[in-house]
Amino acid sequence: MQKRIVPPNVEVQGQSIIAVVGGLQLLKNKALRLLAENGIQTLEPLGWYPLRDALAAIHSIHEKIGPSTLRAVGRQVPEHIRFSPEVRTLEQALRALDAAYQQNHRGQVGGNIGGYRLESVSARSARLVCDNPYPCDFDQGILEALCERFRPKDSVWMRVEHGAHGCRQQSGFACTYHVTW
């Protein structure tokens, strides 16, 4: 898996890392051990931790436990995102995702650690570009959970698909996801 270079001053808030542990509830001790092996000994929800360490732990989860587990971990992240009361629809949630990402990361002076960009929306679909340093499976889990949380009442099914062009796991700069409902 291709790992993105992250400036050493970039940090992630503890509540985001706690989502990783929450996603591994059945493997909680293993998750905590992987975090400790990668420099995160204790977790405080409002503490700040080097993003490099958090990403190293996430990549360890991918390598040692598997992509399906990493996707399940990503599905826990939206549980820790506090959206404003105005966010009521899936489109609004997809638009607000980047702001939530930026609020939970700091130290980007002189560097860009990417984010989430909603490129297009139609009546029943959206295209979202993710150019952050997190693995594809992690982002896919986040998007699937957002779809469930903000599912339109008249939607029978929802799908999140990784686009065919460009992939961070294959040395690309970004991944594109197609969301349909």
N, C-alpha and C. Protein backbone atom coordinates (compact mmCIF):
# COMPACT_ATOMS: atom_id res chain seq x y z
N MET A 1 0.85 -1.18 0.00
CA MET A 1 0.00 0.00 0.00
C MET A 1 0.89 1.23 0.00
N GLN A 2 0.57 2.18 -0.85
CA GLN A 2 1.32 3.42 -0.96
C GLN A 2 1.02 4.29 0.27
N LYS A 3 2.05 4.79 0.92
CA LYS A 3 1.87 5.67 2.07
C LYS A 3 2.22 7.08 1.68
N ARG A 4 1.33 8.02 2.00
CA ARG A 4 1.55 9.43 1.65
C ARG A 4 2.48 10.05 2.68
N ILE A 5 3.37 10.89 2.23
CA ILE A 5 4.29 11.59 3.12
C ILE A 5 3.53 12.71 3.80
N VAL A 6 3.59 12.72 5.13
CA VAL A 6 2.88 13.70 5.92
C VAL A 6 3.92 14.55 6.65
N PRO A 7 3.79 15.88 6.60
CA PRO A 7 4.74 16.72 7.33
C PRO A 7 4.72 16.37 8.82
N PRO A 8 5.88 16.44 9.49
CA PRO A 8 5.95 16.01 10.89
C PRO A 8 5.15 16.86 11.86
N ASN A 9 4.77 18.07 11.48
CA ASN A 9 4.02 18.93 12.39
C ASN A 9 2.52 18.72 12.33
N VAL A 10 2.02 17.86 11.47
CA VAL A 10 0.58 17.65 11.34
C VAL A 10 0.11 16.70 12.43
N GLU A 11 -0.98 17.07 13.10
CA GLU A 11 -1.52 16.26 14.19
C GLU A 11 -2.99 15.96 13.94
N VAL A 12 -3.47 14.95 14.63
CA VAL A 12 -4.87 14.54 14.56
C VAL A 12 -5.41 14.51 15.98
N GLN A 13 -6.66 14.89 16.15
CA GLN A 13 -7.27 14.93 17.47
C GLN A 13 -7.57 13.52 17.96
N GLY A 14 -7.43 13.32 19.25
CA GLY A 14 -7.61 12.01 19.87
C GLY A 14 -8.94 11.36 19.59
N GLN A 15 -10.02 12.13 19.51
CA GLN A 15 -11.33 11.52 19.26
C GLN A 15 -11.38 10.82 17.92
N SER A 16 -10.57 11.27 16.96
CA SER A 16 -10.51 10.59 15.67
C SER A 16 -9.82 9.25 15.79
N ILE A 17 -8.79 9.19 16.63
CA ILE A 17 -8.08 7.93 16.85
C ILE A 17 -8.94 6.98 17.67
N ILE A 18 -9.72 7.51 18.59
CA ILE A 18 -10.62 6.68 19.39
C ILE A 18 -11.62 5.97 18.48
N ALA A 19 -11.99 6.61 17.37
CA ALA A 19 -12.88 5.96 16.40
C ALA A 19 -12.23 4.71 15.83
N VAL A 20 -10.90 4.76 15.67
CA VAL A 20 -10.17 3.57 15.18
C VAL A 20 -10.33 2.44 16.17
N VAL A 21 -10.15 2.73 17.45
CA VAL A 21 -10.30 1.71 18.49
C VAL A 21 -11.74 1.21 18.53
N GLY A 22 -12.70 2.12 18.38
CA GLY A 22 -14.12 1.73 18.38
C GLY A 22 -14.46 0.80 17.24
N GLY A 23 -13.82 1.01 16.10
CA GLY A 23 -14.06 0.16 14.94
C GLY A 23 -13.50 -1.24 15.12
N LEU A 24 -12.63 -1.39 16.07
CA LEU A 24 -12.02 -2.70 16.35
C LEU A 24 -12.49 -3.22 17.71
N GLN A 25 -13.73 -2.97 18.05
CA GLN A 25 -14.24 -3.31 19.38
C GLN A 25 -13.92 -4.75 19.79
N LEU A 26 -14.11 -5.70 18.88
CA LEU A 26 -13.81 -7.09 19.21
C LEU A 26 -12.32 -7.32 19.33
N LEU A 27 -11.54 -6.45 18.73
CA LEU A 27 -10.09 -6.58 18.75
C LEU A 27 -9.47 -5.38 19.48
N LYS A 28 -10.17 -4.86 20.47
CA LYS A 28 -9.76 -3.62 21.14
C LYS A 28 -8.32 -3.71 21.67
N ASN A 29 -7.98 -4.80 22.33
CA ASN A 29 -6.63 -4.91 22.88
C ASN A 29 -5.58 -4.89 21.77
N LYS A 30 -5.89 -5.54 20.66
CA LYS A 30 -4.96 -5.54 19.53
C LYS A 30 -4.83 -4.13 18.96
N ALA A 31 -5.94 -3.40 18.87
CA ALA A 31 -5.91 -2.03 18.36
C ALA A 31 -5.05 -1.16 19.27
N LEU A 32 -5.24 -1.27 20.57
CA LEU A 32 -4.45 -0.47 21.50
C LEU A 32 -2.96 -0.85 21.42
N ARG A 33 -2.68 -2.12 21.22
CA ARG A 33 -1.29 -2.58 21.08
C ARG A 33 -0.67 -2.00 19.79
N LEU A 34 -1.44 -2.02 18.69
CA LEU A 34 -0.93 -1.46 17.44
C LEU A 34 -0.69 0.05 17.57
N LEU A 35 -1.57 0.74 18.27
CA LEU A 35 -1.36 2.17 18.50
C LEU A 35 -0.08 2.39 19.31
N ALA A 36 0.09 1.60 20.40
CA ALA A 36 1.28 1.75 21.24
C ALA A 36 2.55 1.44 20.46
N GLU A 37 2.50 0.41 19.62
CA GLU A 37 3.67 0.06 18.80
C GLU A 37 4.04 1.18 17.84
N ASN A 38 3.08 2.04 17.55
CA ASN A 38 3.32 3.13 16.62
C ASN A 38 3.40 4.49 17.31
N GLY A 39 3.67 4.49 18.61
CA GLY A 39 3.95 5.73 19.32
C GLY A 39 2.80 6.38 20.05
N ILE A 40 1.61 5.79 20.03
CA ILE A 40 0.47 6.37 20.74
C ILE A 40 0.18 5.49 21.95
N GLN A 41 0.74 5.89 23.09
CA GLN A 41 0.66 5.07 24.31
C GLN A 41 -0.67 5.23 25.04
N THR A 42 -1.13 6.47 25.16
CA THR A 42 -2.39 6.75 25.84
C THR A 42 -3.23 7.63 24.93
N LEU A 43 -4.54 7.55 25.10
CA LEU A 43 -5.45 8.33 24.25
C LEU A 43 -6.35 9.23 25.09
N GLU A 44 -6.35 10.49 24.77
CA GLU A 44 -7.26 11.45 25.36
C GLU A 44 -8.09 12.03 24.23
N PRO A 45 -9.42 12.04 24.35
CA PRO A 45 -10.26 12.51 23.25
C PRO A 45 -9.90 13.91 22.73
N LEU A 46 -9.49 14.81 23.60
CA LEU A 46 -9.17 16.16 23.17
C LEU A 46 -7.67 16.38 23.02
N GLY A 47 -6.89 15.32 23.18
CA GLY A 47 -5.44 15.42 22.97
C GLY A 47 -5.12 15.45 21.49
N TRP A 48 -3.89 15.82 21.17
CA TRP A 48 -3.43 15.87 19.79
C TRP A 48 -2.24 14.94 19.65
N TYR A 49 -2.21 14.19 18.54
CA TYR A 49 -1.20 13.16 18.32
C TYR A 49 -0.62 13.30 16.92
N PRO A 50 0.65 12.93 16.76
CA PRO A 50 1.24 13.02 15.42
C PRO A 50 0.46 12.16 14.41
N LEU A 51 0.07 12.78 13.32
CA LEU A 51 -0.68 12.06 12.29
C LEU A 51 0.14 10.91 11.74
N ARG A 52 1.44 11.09 11.65
CA ARG A 52 2.30 10.01 11.16
C ARG A 52 2.13 8.74 12.00
N ASP A 53 2.05 8.91 13.32
CA ASP A 53 1.88 7.75 14.20
C ASP A 53 0.52 7.10 14.00
N ALA A 54 -0.52 7.94 13.90
CA ALA A 54 -1.87 7.40 13.69
C ALA A 54 -1.96 6.66 12.36
N LEU A 55 -1.37 7.23 11.32
CA LEU A 55 -1.39 6.56 10.01
C LEU A 55 -0.60 5.27 10.03
N ALA A 56 0.52 5.26 10.74
CA ALA A 56 1.31 4.02 10.85
C ALA A 56 0.47 2.93 11.51
N ALA A 57 -0.29 3.29 12.54
CA ALA A 57 -1.17 2.31 13.20
C ALA A 57 -2.28 1.84 12.26
N ILE A 58 -2.85 2.77 11.51
CA ILE A 58 -3.92 2.41 10.56
C ILE A 58 -3.37 1.50 9.46
N HIS A 59 -2.18 1.78 8.98
CA HIS A 59 -1.57 0.90 7.98
C HIS A 59 -1.25 -0.47 8.57
N SER A 60 -0.89 -0.51 9.86
CA SER A 60 -0.66 -1.80 10.53
C SER A 60 -1.95 -2.60 10.61
N ILE A 61 -3.05 -1.93 10.88
CA ILE A 61 -4.35 -2.60 10.91
C ILE A 61 -4.64 -3.20 9.55
N HIS A 62 -4.39 -2.42 8.51
CA HIS A 62 -4.62 -2.90 7.14
C HIS A 62 -3.77 -4.13 6.84
N GLU A 63 -2.50 -4.07 7.19
CA GLU A 63 -1.57 -5.16 6.88
C GLU A 63 -1.77 -6.39 7.76
N LYS A 64 -2.03 -6.19 9.05
CA LYS A 64 -2.08 -7.31 10.00
C LYS A 64 -3.47 -7.89 10.20
N ILE A 65 -4.51 -7.08 10.01
CA ILE A 65 -5.87 -7.56 10.25
C ILE A 65 -6.66 -7.64 8.95
N GLY A 66 -6.46 -6.68 8.05
CA GLY A 66 -7.09 -6.77 6.75
C GLY A 66 -7.90 -5.57 6.34
N PRO A 67 -8.17 -5.44 5.03
CA PRO A 67 -8.90 -4.29 4.50
C PRO A 67 -10.36 -4.23 4.97
N SER A 68 -11.00 -5.37 5.18
CA SER A 68 -12.40 -5.35 5.63
C SER A 68 -12.50 -4.75 7.03
N THR A 69 -11.54 -5.06 7.86
CA THR A 69 -11.53 -4.50 9.21
C THR A 69 -11.27 -3.01 9.15
N LEU A 70 -10.37 -2.59 8.28
CA LEU A 70 -10.09 -1.16 8.14
C LEU A 70 -11.33 -0.42 7.65
N ARG A 71 -12.08 -1.03 6.78
CA ARG A 71 -13.34 -0.43 6.31
C ARG A 71 -14.33 -0.31 7.47
N ALA A 72 -14.38 -1.33 8.32
CA ALA A 72 -15.25 -1.28 9.50
C ALA A 72 -14.80 -0.17 10.45
N VAL A 73 -13.50 0.02 10.56
CA VAL A 73 -12.97 1.11 11.39
C VAL A 73 -13.44 2.45 10.82
N GLY A 74 -13.33 2.62 9.52
CA GLY A 74 -13.79 3.86 8.88
C GLY A 74 -15.26 4.12 9.12
N ARG A 75 -16.04 3.06 9.19
CA ARG A 75 -17.48 3.20 9.42
C ARG A 75 -17.78 3.79 10.80
N GLN A 76 -16.83 3.70 11.73
CA GLN A 76 -17.03 4.26 13.07
C GLN A 76 -16.77 5.76 13.14
N VAL A 77 -16.00 6.28 12.21
CA VAL A 77 -15.59 7.69 12.26
C VAL A 77 -16.78 8.65 12.30
N PRO A 78 -17.80 8.50 11.44
CA PRO A 78 -18.92 9.46 11.48
C PRO A 78 -19.66 9.49 12.83
N GLU A 79 -19.51 8.45 13.62
CA GLU A 79 -20.13 8.47 14.96
C GLU A 79 -19.48 9.54 15.84
N HIS A 80 -18.27 9.95 15.49
CA HIS A 80 -17.52 10.92 16.28
C HIS A 80 -17.51 12.30 15.63
N ILE A 81 -18.23 12.46 14.53
CA ILE A 81 -18.32 13.76 13.85
C ILE A 81 -19.57 14.47 14.34
N ARG A 82 -19.39 15.68 14.82
CA ARG A 82 -20.54 16.49 15.24
C ARG A 82 -20.87 17.46 14.10
N PHE A 83 -21.96 17.17 13.40
CA PHE A 83 -22.41 18.05 12.34
C PHE A 83 -23.31 19.12 12.94
N SER A 84 -23.36 20.28 12.30
CA SER A 84 -24.26 21.32 12.76
C SER A 84 -25.70 20.85 12.53
N PRO A 85 -26.65 21.39 13.29
CA PRO A 85 -28.05 20.99 13.13
C PRO A 85 -28.60 21.24 11.73
N GLU A 86 -27.97 22.14 10.97
CA GLU A 86 -28.42 22.42 9.61
C GLU A 86 -28.14 21.27 8.65
N VAL A 87 -27.23 20.38 9.02
CA VAL A 87 -26.89 19.25 8.15
C VAL A 87 -27.95 18.17 8.36
N ARG A 88 -28.82 18.03 7.35
CA ARG A 88 -29.93 17.08 7.46
C ARG A 88 -29.98 16.10 6.31
N THR A 89 -29.29 16.41 5.20
CA THR A 89 -29.36 15.55 4.03
C THR A 89 -28.00 14.93 3.75
N LEU A 90 -28.01 13.91 2.92
CA LEU A 90 -26.76 13.27 2.54
C LEU A 90 -25.85 14.25 1.80
N GLU A 91 -26.40 15.02 0.89
CA GLU A 91 -25.58 16.00 0.17
C GLU A 91 -24.94 16.99 1.14
N GLN A 92 -25.70 17.47 2.11
CA GLN A 92 -25.15 18.41 3.09
C GLN A 92 -24.04 17.74 3.91
N ALA A 93 -24.24 16.49 4.27
CA ALA A 93 -23.22 15.76 5.05
C ALA A 93 -21.95 15.57 4.22
N LEU A 94 -22.10 15.23 2.94
CA LEU A 94 -20.93 15.05 2.07
C LEU A 94 -20.19 16.38 1.90
N ARG A 95 -20.93 17.48 1.82
CA ARG A 95 -20.30 18.80 1.71
C ARG A 95 -19.60 19.19 3.01
N ALA A 96 -20.14 18.78 4.14
CA ALA A 96 -19.58 19.14 5.45
C ALA A 96 -18.42 18.23 5.87
N LEU A 97 -18.20 17.14 5.17
CA LEU A 97 -17.17 16.17 5.56
C LEU A 97 -15.78 16.80 5.57
N ASP A 98 -15.46 17.62 4.60
CA ASP A 98 -14.13 18.23 4.57
C ASP A 98 -13.92 19.15 5.76
N ALA A 99 -14.92 19.93 6.13
CA ALA A 99 -14.79 20.83 7.28
C ALA A 99 -14.54 20.02 8.56
N ALA A 100 -15.24 18.89 8.71
CA ALA A 100 -15.02 18.03 9.88
C ALA A 100 -13.60 17.48 9.87
N TYR A 101 -13.12 17.08 8.70
CA TYR A 101 -11.76 16.57 8.57
C TYR A 101 -10.75 17.65 8.98
N GLN A 102 -10.93 18.85 8.46
CA GLN A 102 -9.99 19.94 8.76
C GLN A 102 -10.01 20.31 10.25
N GLN A 103 -11.18 20.22 10.90
CA GLN A 103 -11.28 20.53 12.33
C GLN A 103 -10.55 19.51 13.19
N ASN A 104 -10.39 18.31 12.70
CA ASN A 104 -9.75 17.26 13.49
C ASN A 104 -8.28 17.05 13.13
N HIS A 105 -7.73 17.94 12.33
CA HIS A 105 -6.31 17.90 11.96
C HIS A 105 -5.76 19.31 12.08
N ARG A 106 -4.53 19.42 12.51
CA ARG A 106 -3.92 20.75 12.61
C ARG A 106 -2.44 20.65 12.26
N GLY A 107 -1.82 21.82 12.09
CA GLY A 107 -0.40 21.86 11.79
C GLY A 107 -0.11 21.81 10.31
N GLN A 108 -1.04 22.26 9.50
CA GLN A 108 -0.88 22.16 8.05
C GLN A 108 -0.12 23.34 7.46
N VAL A 109 0.43 24.22 8.28
CA VAL A 109 1.15 25.38 7.77
C VAL A 109 2.28 24.90 6.86
N GLY A 110 2.29 25.40 5.65
CA GLY A 110 3.32 25.03 4.69
C GLY A 110 3.08 23.69 4.01
N GLY A 111 2.03 23.01 4.37
CA GLY A 111 1.76 21.72 3.75
C GLY A 111 0.26 21.50 3.63
N ASN A 112 -0.11 20.71 2.68
CA ASN A 112 -1.51 20.41 2.47
C ASN A 112 -1.70 18.91 2.69
N ILE A 113 -2.53 18.55 3.62
CA ILE A 113 -2.75 17.12 3.85
C ILE A 113 -4.07 16.66 3.24
N GLY A 114 -4.58 17.43 2.30
CA GLY A 114 -5.74 16.99 1.54
C GLY A 114 -7.04 17.09 2.30
N GLY A 115 -8.02 16.35 1.80
CA GLY A 115 -9.34 16.38 2.41
C GLY A 115 -10.34 15.66 1.54
N TYR A 116 -11.58 16.15 1.55
CA TYR A 116 -12.69 15.57 0.82
C TYR A 116 -13.34 16.68 0.00
N ARG A 117 -13.49 16.46 -1.29
CA ARG A 117 -14.07 17.48 -2.17
C ARG A 117 -15.23 16.89 -2.95
N LEU A 118 -16.41 17.45 -2.73
CA LEU A 118 -17.59 17.03 -3.46
C LEU A 118 -17.54 17.71 -4.83
N GLU A 119 -17.40 16.91 -5.89
CA GLU A 119 -17.24 17.47 -7.23
C GLU A 119 -18.55 17.66 -7.96
N SER A 120 -19.45 16.72 -7.82
CA SER A 120 -20.72 16.87 -8.53
C SER A 120 -21.81 16.13 -7.78
N VAL A 121 -23.01 16.66 -7.95
CA VAL A 121 -24.18 16.06 -7.33
C VAL A 121 -25.32 16.14 -8.33
N SER A 122 -26.04 15.04 -8.45
CA SER A 122 -27.26 15.04 -9.25
C SER A 122 -28.39 14.59 -8.34
N ALA A 123 -29.54 14.34 -8.90
CA ALA A 123 -30.70 13.98 -8.09
C ALA A 123 -30.46 12.74 -7.23
N ARG A 124 -29.72 11.76 -7.72
CA ARG A 124 -29.52 10.50 -7.00
C ARG A 124 -28.07 10.03 -6.97
N SER A 125 -27.14 10.97 -7.14
CA SER A 125 -25.74 10.54 -7.09
C SER A 125 -24.82 11.71 -6.77
N ALA A 126 -23.61 11.35 -6.37
CA ALA A 126 -22.58 12.35 -6.09
C ALA A 126 -21.22 11.74 -6.41
N ARG A 127 -20.27 12.61 -6.69
CA ARG A 127 -18.89 12.17 -6.89
C ARG A 127 -18.03 12.95 -5.90
N LEU A 128 -17.25 12.21 -5.12
CA LEU A 128 -16.43 12.79 -4.07
C LEU A 128 -14.98 12.39 -4.29
N VAL A 129 -14.08 13.38 -4.25
CA VAL A 129 -12.65 13.12 -4.41
C VAL A 129 -11.99 13.20 -3.04
N CYS A 130 -11.24 12.16 -2.70
CA CYS A 130 -10.53 12.11 -1.42
C CYS A 130 -9.04 12.14 -1.71
N ASP A 131 -8.37 13.19 -1.26
CA ASP A 131 -6.93 13.28 -1.46
C ASP A 131 -6.20 13.41 -0.12
N ASN A 132 -6.80 12.84 0.91
CA ASN A 132 -6.18 12.83 2.23
C ASN A 132 -5.20 11.65 2.34
N PRO A 133 -4.43 11.55 3.41
CA PRO A 133 -3.45 10.46 3.52
C PRO A 133 -3.99 9.13 4.03
N TYR A 134 -5.28 9.02 4.26
CA TYR A 134 -5.84 7.79 4.79
C TYR A 134 -6.06 6.75 3.68
N PRO A 135 -6.02 5.47 4.02
CA PRO A 135 -6.21 4.41 3.01
C PRO A 135 -7.63 4.40 2.44
N CYS A 136 -7.76 3.87 1.22
CA CYS A 136 -9.04 3.80 0.51
C CYS A 136 -10.14 3.11 1.33
N ASP A 137 -9.81 1.95 1.91
CA ASP A 137 -10.82 1.20 2.65
C ASP A 137 -11.36 2.00 3.83
N PHE A 138 -10.50 2.78 4.46
CA PHE A 138 -10.89 3.63 5.58
C PHE A 138 -11.91 4.67 5.09
N ASP A 139 -11.57 5.36 3.99
CA ASP A 139 -12.49 6.37 3.44
C ASP A 139 -13.80 5.76 2.97
N GLN A 140 -13.73 4.59 2.36
CA GLN A 140 -14.96 3.96 1.90
C GLN A 140 -15.89 3.66 3.07
N GLY A 141 -15.33 3.21 4.18
CA GLY A 141 -16.13 2.97 5.37
C GLY A 141 -16.78 4.23 5.89
N ILE A 142 -16.03 5.34 5.89
CA ILE A 142 -16.59 6.62 6.32
C ILE A 142 -17.78 7.00 5.46
N LEU A 143 -17.61 6.89 4.15
CA LEU A 143 -18.69 7.28 3.23
C LEU A 143 -19.90 6.37 3.37
N GLU A 144 -19.69 5.07 3.54
CA GLU A 144 -20.82 4.16 3.73
C GLU A 144 -21.61 4.50 4.99
N ALA A 145 -20.89 4.84 6.06
CA ALA A 145 -21.58 5.19 7.31
C ALA A 145 -22.35 6.50 7.17
N LEU A 146 -21.78 7.47 6.46
CA LEU A 146 -22.51 8.72 6.22
C LEU A 146 -23.78 8.46 5.42
N CYS A 147 -23.68 7.58 4.43
CA CYS A 147 -24.86 7.23 3.64
C CYS A 147 -25.95 6.61 4.51
N GLU A 148 -25.57 5.78 5.43
CA GLU A 148 -26.57 5.17 6.31
C GLU A 148 -27.16 6.20 7.26
N ARG A 149 -26.31 7.05 7.81
CA ARG A 149 -26.76 8.05 8.78
C ARG A 149 -27.70 9.08 8.16
N PHE A 150 -27.43 9.46 6.90
CA PHE A 150 -28.22 10.51 6.24
C PHE A 150 -29.00 9.96 5.05
N ARG A 151 -29.38 8.69 5.12
CA ARG A 151 -30.12 8.05 4.03
C ARG A 151 -31.42 8.81 3.75
N PRO A 152 -31.63 9.18 2.49
CA PRO A 152 -32.91 9.81 2.15
C PRO A 152 -34.07 8.85 2.43
N LYS A 153 -35.17 9.37 2.92
CA LYS A 153 -36.30 8.51 3.30
C LYS A 153 -36.85 7.71 2.14
N ASP A 154 -36.74 8.24 0.94
CA ASP A 154 -37.29 7.54 -0.21
C ASP A 154 -36.26 6.66 -0.92
N SER A 155 -35.11 6.47 -0.31
CA SER A 155 -34.05 5.67 -0.92
C SER A 155 -34.20 4.20 -0.52
N VAL A 156 -34.27 3.33 -1.51
CA VAL A 156 -34.38 1.89 -1.27
C VAL A 156 -33.01 1.29 -1.04
N TRP A 157 -32.01 1.78 -1.76
CA TRP A 157 -30.65 1.26 -1.64
C TRP A 157 -29.64 2.39 -1.82
N MET A 158 -28.45 2.15 -1.35
CA MET A 158 -27.36 3.12 -1.48
C MET A 158 -26.10 2.36 -1.84
N ARG A 159 -25.22 3.00 -2.57
CA ARG A 159 -23.97 2.34 -2.96
C ARG A 159 -22.83 3.36 -2.96
N VAL A 160 -21.68 2.93 -2.44
CA VAL A 160 -20.46 3.71 -2.50
C VAL A 160 -19.46 2.86 -3.28
N GLU A 161 -19.02 3.38 -4.41
CA GLU A 161 -18.07 2.63 -5.25
C GLU A 161 -16.81 3.44 -5.48
N HIS A 162 -15.69 2.77 -5.40
CA HIS A 162 -14.41 3.39 -5.71
C HIS A 162 -14.33 3.56 -7.22
N GLY A 163 -13.99 4.76 -7.66
CA GLY A 163 -13.87 5.03 -9.09
C GLY A 163 -12.74 4.25 -9.73
N ALA A 164 -12.84 4.07 -11.03
CA ALA A 164 -11.86 3.27 -11.77
C ALA A 164 -10.56 4.02 -12.04
N HIS A 165 -10.59 5.34 -12.01
CA HIS A 165 -9.40 6.12 -12.37
C HIS A 165 -8.76 6.72 -11.13
N GLY A 166 -7.49 6.44 -10.94
CA GLY A 166 -6.74 7.00 -9.81
C GLY A 166 -7.03 6.28 -8.51
N CYS A 167 -5.97 5.99 -7.79
CA CYS A 167 -6.11 5.34 -6.50
C CYS A 167 -4.85 5.59 -5.69
N ARG A 168 -5.00 6.02 -4.46
CA ARG A 168 -3.85 6.27 -3.60
C ARG A 168 -3.07 4.99 -3.31
N GLN A 169 -3.75 3.86 -3.28
CA GLN A 169 -3.06 2.59 -3.03
C GLN A 169 -2.21 2.16 -4.22
N GLN A 170 -2.43 2.79 -5.36
CA GLN A 170 -1.66 2.47 -6.55
C GLN A 170 -0.87 3.70 -7.01
N SER A 171 -0.35 4.44 -6.04
CA SER A 171 0.50 5.61 -6.26
C SER A 171 -0.23 6.81 -6.86
N GLY A 172 -1.54 6.81 -6.85
CA GLY A 172 -2.29 7.97 -7.32
C GLY A 172 -2.34 9.04 -6.24
N PHE A 173 -2.72 10.25 -6.64
CA PHE A 173 -2.80 11.35 -5.71
C PHE A 173 -4.12 11.35 -4.93
N ALA A 174 -5.16 10.81 -5.53
CA ALA A 174 -6.48 10.85 -4.92
C ALA A 174 -7.31 9.66 -5.37
N CYS A 175 -8.37 9.40 -4.64
CA CYS A 175 -9.36 8.40 -5.00
C CYS A 175 -10.68 9.12 -5.21
N THR A 176 -11.44 8.63 -6.19
CA THR A 176 -12.77 9.18 -6.45
C THR A 176 -13.80 8.14 -6.08
N TYR A 177 -14.83 8.57 -5.40
CA TYR A 177 -15.92 7.67 -5.00
C TYR A 177 -17.21 8.15 -5.63
N HIS A 178 -18.00 7.19 -6.11
CA HIS A 178 -19.31 7.47 -6.66
C HIS A 178 -20.34 6.97 -5.65
N VAL A 179 -21.19 7.89 -5.23
CA VAL A 179 -22.23 7.57 -4.25
C VAL A 179 -23.56 7.66 -4.98
N THR A 180 -24.33 6.59 -4.93
CA THR A 180 -25.67 6.59 -5.55
C THR A 180 -26.70 6.16 -4.53
N TRP A 181 -27.90 6.72 -4.69
CA TRP A 181 -28.99 6.38 -3.79
C TRP A 181 -30.32 6.42 -4.49
